[in-house]
Amino acid sequence: MDSNLMEKSVQYKFANTEKYGDKKVARELKHLKADASDEAINKVGTSLAKLQGDNLKSIVEISKRDIEITD
């Protein structure tokens, strides 16, 4: 069975009790390069958190693949 990577994105979750209370805010960045390293993804999330004045709580990588249907 073959599959082709169609799209890759990353979701960052940020926390800041002063701005969001006990909730977390999720931001998804689409069009992630297929060969992006975990270290680079982490650096981007950390930088975004600092710019926003938030704490980075989690990172989730999302991959969408086109899977060939076989009989």
N, C-alpha and C. Protein backbone atom coordinates (compact mmCIF):
# COMPACT_ATOMS: atom_id res chain seq x y z
N MET A 1 0.85 -1.17 0.00
CA MET A 1 0.00 0.00 0.00
C MET A 1 0.90 1.24 0.00
N ASP A 2 0.63 2.16 -0.90
CA ASP A 2 1.42 3.38 -1.01
C ASP A 2 0.67 4.56 -0.42
N SER A 3 1.42 5.54 0.04
CA SER A 3 0.82 6.79 0.52
C SER A 3 1.75 7.95 0.17
N ASN A 4 1.15 9.10 -0.05
CA ASN A 4 1.90 10.31 -0.37
C ASN A 4 1.54 11.39 0.64
N LEU A 5 2.56 12.07 1.15
CA LEU A 5 2.33 13.17 2.08
C LEU A 5 1.69 14.32 1.33
N MET A 6 0.51 14.74 1.78
CA MET A 6 -0.22 15.83 1.12
C MET A 6 0.05 17.16 1.82
N GLU A 7 0.02 17.14 3.14
CA GLU A 7 0.16 18.38 3.90
C GLU A 7 0.67 18.06 5.29
N LYS A 8 1.49 18.96 5.81
CA LYS A 8 2.02 18.80 7.15
C LYS A 8 1.87 20.14 7.87
N SER A 9 1.38 20.10 9.10
CA SER A 9 1.21 21.33 9.86
C SER A 9 1.60 21.06 11.31
N VAL A 10 1.64 22.13 12.10
CA VAL A 10 1.99 21.99 13.52
C VAL A 10 1.01 22.83 14.33
N GLN A 11 0.61 22.28 15.48
CA GLN A 11 -0.29 23.00 16.39
C GLN A 11 0.46 23.27 17.68
N TYR A 12 0.50 24.54 18.07
CA TYR A 12 1.11 24.95 19.33
C TYR A 12 -0.01 25.30 20.30
N LYS A 13 0.14 24.92 21.57
CA LYS A 13 -0.80 25.35 22.60
C LYS A 13 -0.05 26.22 23.59
N PHE A 14 -0.67 27.39 23.86
CA PHE A 14 -0.06 28.38 24.74
C PHE A 14 -0.94 28.58 25.97
N ALA A 15 -0.31 28.92 27.09
CA ALA A 15 -1.03 29.19 28.32
C ALA A 15 -0.55 30.53 28.89
N ASN A 16 -1.50 31.25 29.46
CA ASN A 16 -1.20 32.50 30.16
C ASN A 16 -2.42 32.80 31.02
N THR A 17 -2.30 32.56 32.33
CA THR A 17 -3.46 32.70 33.21
C THR A 17 -4.02 34.12 33.24
N GLU A 18 -3.18 35.12 33.05
CA GLU A 18 -3.66 36.50 33.05
C GLU A 18 -4.53 36.81 31.84
N LYS A 19 -4.17 36.25 30.68
CA LYS A 19 -4.93 36.51 29.45
C LYS A 19 -6.05 35.52 29.21
N TYR A 20 -5.79 34.24 29.46
CA TYR A 20 -6.73 33.18 29.07
C TYR A 20 -7.37 32.45 30.24
N GLY A 21 -7.02 32.78 31.46
CA GLY A 21 -7.51 32.04 32.62
C GLY A 21 -6.89 30.65 32.64
N ASP A 22 -7.70 29.64 32.93
CA ASP A 22 -7.20 28.26 32.98
C ASP A 22 -7.17 27.59 31.61
N LYS A 23 -7.66 28.28 30.59
CA LYS A 23 -7.72 27.71 29.25
C LYS A 23 -6.38 27.84 28.53
N LYS A 24 -6.23 27.04 27.51
CA LYS A 24 -5.05 27.12 26.63
C LYS A 24 -5.52 27.59 25.25
N VAL A 25 -4.69 28.32 24.57
CA VAL A 25 -5.00 28.80 23.23
C VAL A 25 -4.17 28.00 22.24
N ALA A 26 -4.83 27.48 21.20
CA ALA A 26 -4.15 26.68 20.17
C ALA A 26 -3.99 27.51 18.91
N ARG A 27 -2.82 27.41 18.31
CA ARG A 27 -2.55 28.06 17.03
C ARG A 27 -1.95 27.01 16.10
N GLU A 28 -2.50 26.93 14.88
CA GLU A 28 -2.01 25.96 13.90
C GLU A 28 -1.31 26.69 12.77
N LEU A 29 -0.11 26.25 12.46
CA LEU A 29 0.65 26.78 11.34
C LEU A 29 0.70 25.71 10.26
N LYS A 30 0.20 26.06 9.10
CA LYS A 30 0.13 25.10 8.00
C LYS A 30 1.37 25.20 7.12
N HIS A 31 1.46 24.28 6.19
CA HIS A 31 2.54 24.24 5.19
C HIS A 31 3.92 24.07 5.83
N LEU A 32 3.99 23.20 6.82
CA LEU A 32 5.25 22.86 7.45
C LEU A 32 6.10 22.07 6.45
N LYS A 33 7.37 22.39 6.36
CA LYS A 33 8.25 21.65 5.45
C LYS A 33 8.32 20.19 5.89
N ALA A 34 8.31 19.30 4.94
CA ALA A 34 8.32 17.86 5.23
C ALA A 34 9.55 17.44 6.03
N ASP A 35 10.67 18.13 5.84
CA ASP A 35 11.91 17.76 6.52
C ASP A 35 12.22 18.64 7.73
N ALA A 36 11.23 19.38 8.24
CA ALA A 36 11.46 20.24 9.41
C ALA A 36 11.82 19.38 10.62
N SER A 37 12.88 19.76 11.31
CA SER A 37 13.33 18.98 12.47
C SER A 37 12.51 19.34 13.70
N ASP A 38 12.47 18.41 14.65
CA ASP A 38 11.76 18.66 15.91
C ASP A 38 12.36 19.88 16.63
N GLU A 39 13.67 20.01 16.56
CA GLU A 39 14.35 21.13 17.21
C GLU A 39 13.90 22.47 16.61
N ALA A 40 13.81 22.54 15.29
CA ALA A 40 13.37 23.77 14.63
C ALA A 40 11.92 24.09 14.97
N ILE A 41 11.07 23.07 14.99
CA ILE A 41 9.65 23.27 15.33
C ILE A 41 9.53 23.78 16.76
N ASN A 42 10.33 23.23 17.66
CA ASN A 42 10.34 23.67 19.05
C ASN A 42 10.82 25.12 19.17
N LYS A 43 11.86 25.49 18.44
CA LYS A 43 12.38 26.86 18.49
C LYS A 43 11.33 27.87 18.03
N VAL A 44 10.59 27.53 16.99
CA VAL A 44 9.53 28.43 16.50
C VAL A 44 8.46 28.60 17.57
N GLY A 45 8.02 27.51 18.17
CA GLY A 45 7.01 27.59 19.22
C GLY A 45 7.46 28.39 20.42
N THR A 46 8.70 28.18 20.83
CA THR A 46 9.26 28.93 21.95
C THR A 46 9.34 30.42 21.63
N SER A 47 9.75 30.74 20.41
CA SER A 47 9.84 32.15 19.98
C SER A 47 8.46 32.80 19.94
N LEU A 48 7.47 32.09 19.40
CA LEU A 48 6.11 32.62 19.36
C LEU A 48 5.59 32.88 20.77
N ALA A 49 5.84 31.95 21.68
CA ALA A 49 5.39 32.11 23.06
C ALA A 49 6.00 33.36 23.69
N LYS A 50 7.30 33.56 23.49
CA LYS A 50 7.97 34.73 24.05
C LYS A 50 7.41 36.02 23.47
N LEU A 51 7.18 36.05 22.15
CA LEU A 51 6.64 37.25 21.51
C LEU A 51 5.25 37.59 22.04
N GLN A 52 4.46 36.57 22.34
CA GLN A 52 3.09 36.76 22.82
C GLN A 52 3.02 36.96 24.33
N GLY A 53 4.13 36.70 25.02
CA GLY A 53 4.13 36.78 26.48
C GLY A 53 3.45 35.58 27.12
N ASP A 54 3.44 34.44 26.44
CA ASP A 54 2.78 33.23 26.90
C ASP A 54 3.80 32.15 27.24
N ASN A 55 3.29 31.04 27.76
CA ASN A 55 4.09 29.84 27.99
C ASN A 55 3.68 28.80 26.96
N LEU A 56 4.67 28.15 26.35
CA LEU A 56 4.39 27.06 25.41
C LEU A 56 4.10 25.80 26.20
N LYS A 57 2.92 25.18 25.99
CA LYS A 57 2.52 24.02 26.75
C LYS A 57 2.60 22.71 25.97
N SER A 58 2.33 22.75 24.66
CA SER A 58 2.43 21.51 23.89
C SER A 58 2.61 21.81 22.41
N ILE A 59 3.15 20.81 21.72
CA ILE A 59 3.35 20.88 20.27
C ILE A 59 2.84 19.57 19.67
N VAL A 60 1.99 19.69 18.64
CA VAL A 60 1.46 18.50 17.96
C VAL A 60 1.71 18.66 16.47
N GLU A 61 2.36 17.68 15.87
CA GLU A 61 2.58 17.68 14.42
C GLU A 61 1.43 16.93 13.76
N ILE A 62 0.87 17.51 12.70
CA ILE A 62 -0.26 16.93 12.01
C ILE A 62 0.16 16.62 10.58
N SER A 63 0.01 15.36 10.16
CA SER A 63 0.35 14.95 8.80
C SER A 63 -0.90 14.43 8.11
N LYS A 64 -1.11 14.89 6.88
CA LYS A 64 -2.21 14.38 6.07
C LYS A 64 -1.60 13.66 4.89
N ARG A 65 -2.05 12.39 4.69
CA ARG A 65 -1.50 11.58 3.62
C ARG A 65 -2.62 11.10 2.71
N ASP A 66 -2.28 10.96 1.47
CA ASP A 66 -3.17 10.37 0.47
C ASP A 66 -2.80 8.89 0.41
N ILE A 67 -3.71 8.03 0.84
CA ILE A 67 -3.43 6.59 0.89
C ILE A 67 -4.13 5.91 -0.28
N GLU A 68 -3.36 5.15 -1.01
CA GLU A 68 -3.89 4.43 -2.18
C GLU A 68 -4.86 3.34 -1.74
N ILE A 69 -5.99 3.28 -2.40
CA ILE A 69 -6.99 2.24 -2.11
C ILE A 69 -6.64 1.01 -2.94
N THR A 70 -6.59 -0.12 -2.25
CA THR A 70 -6.30 -1.38 -2.95
C THR A 70 -7.42 -2.36 -2.68
N ASP A 71 -7.63 -3.27 -3.60
CA ASP A 71 -8.69 -4.28 -3.45
C ASP A 71 -8.17 -5.53 -2.82
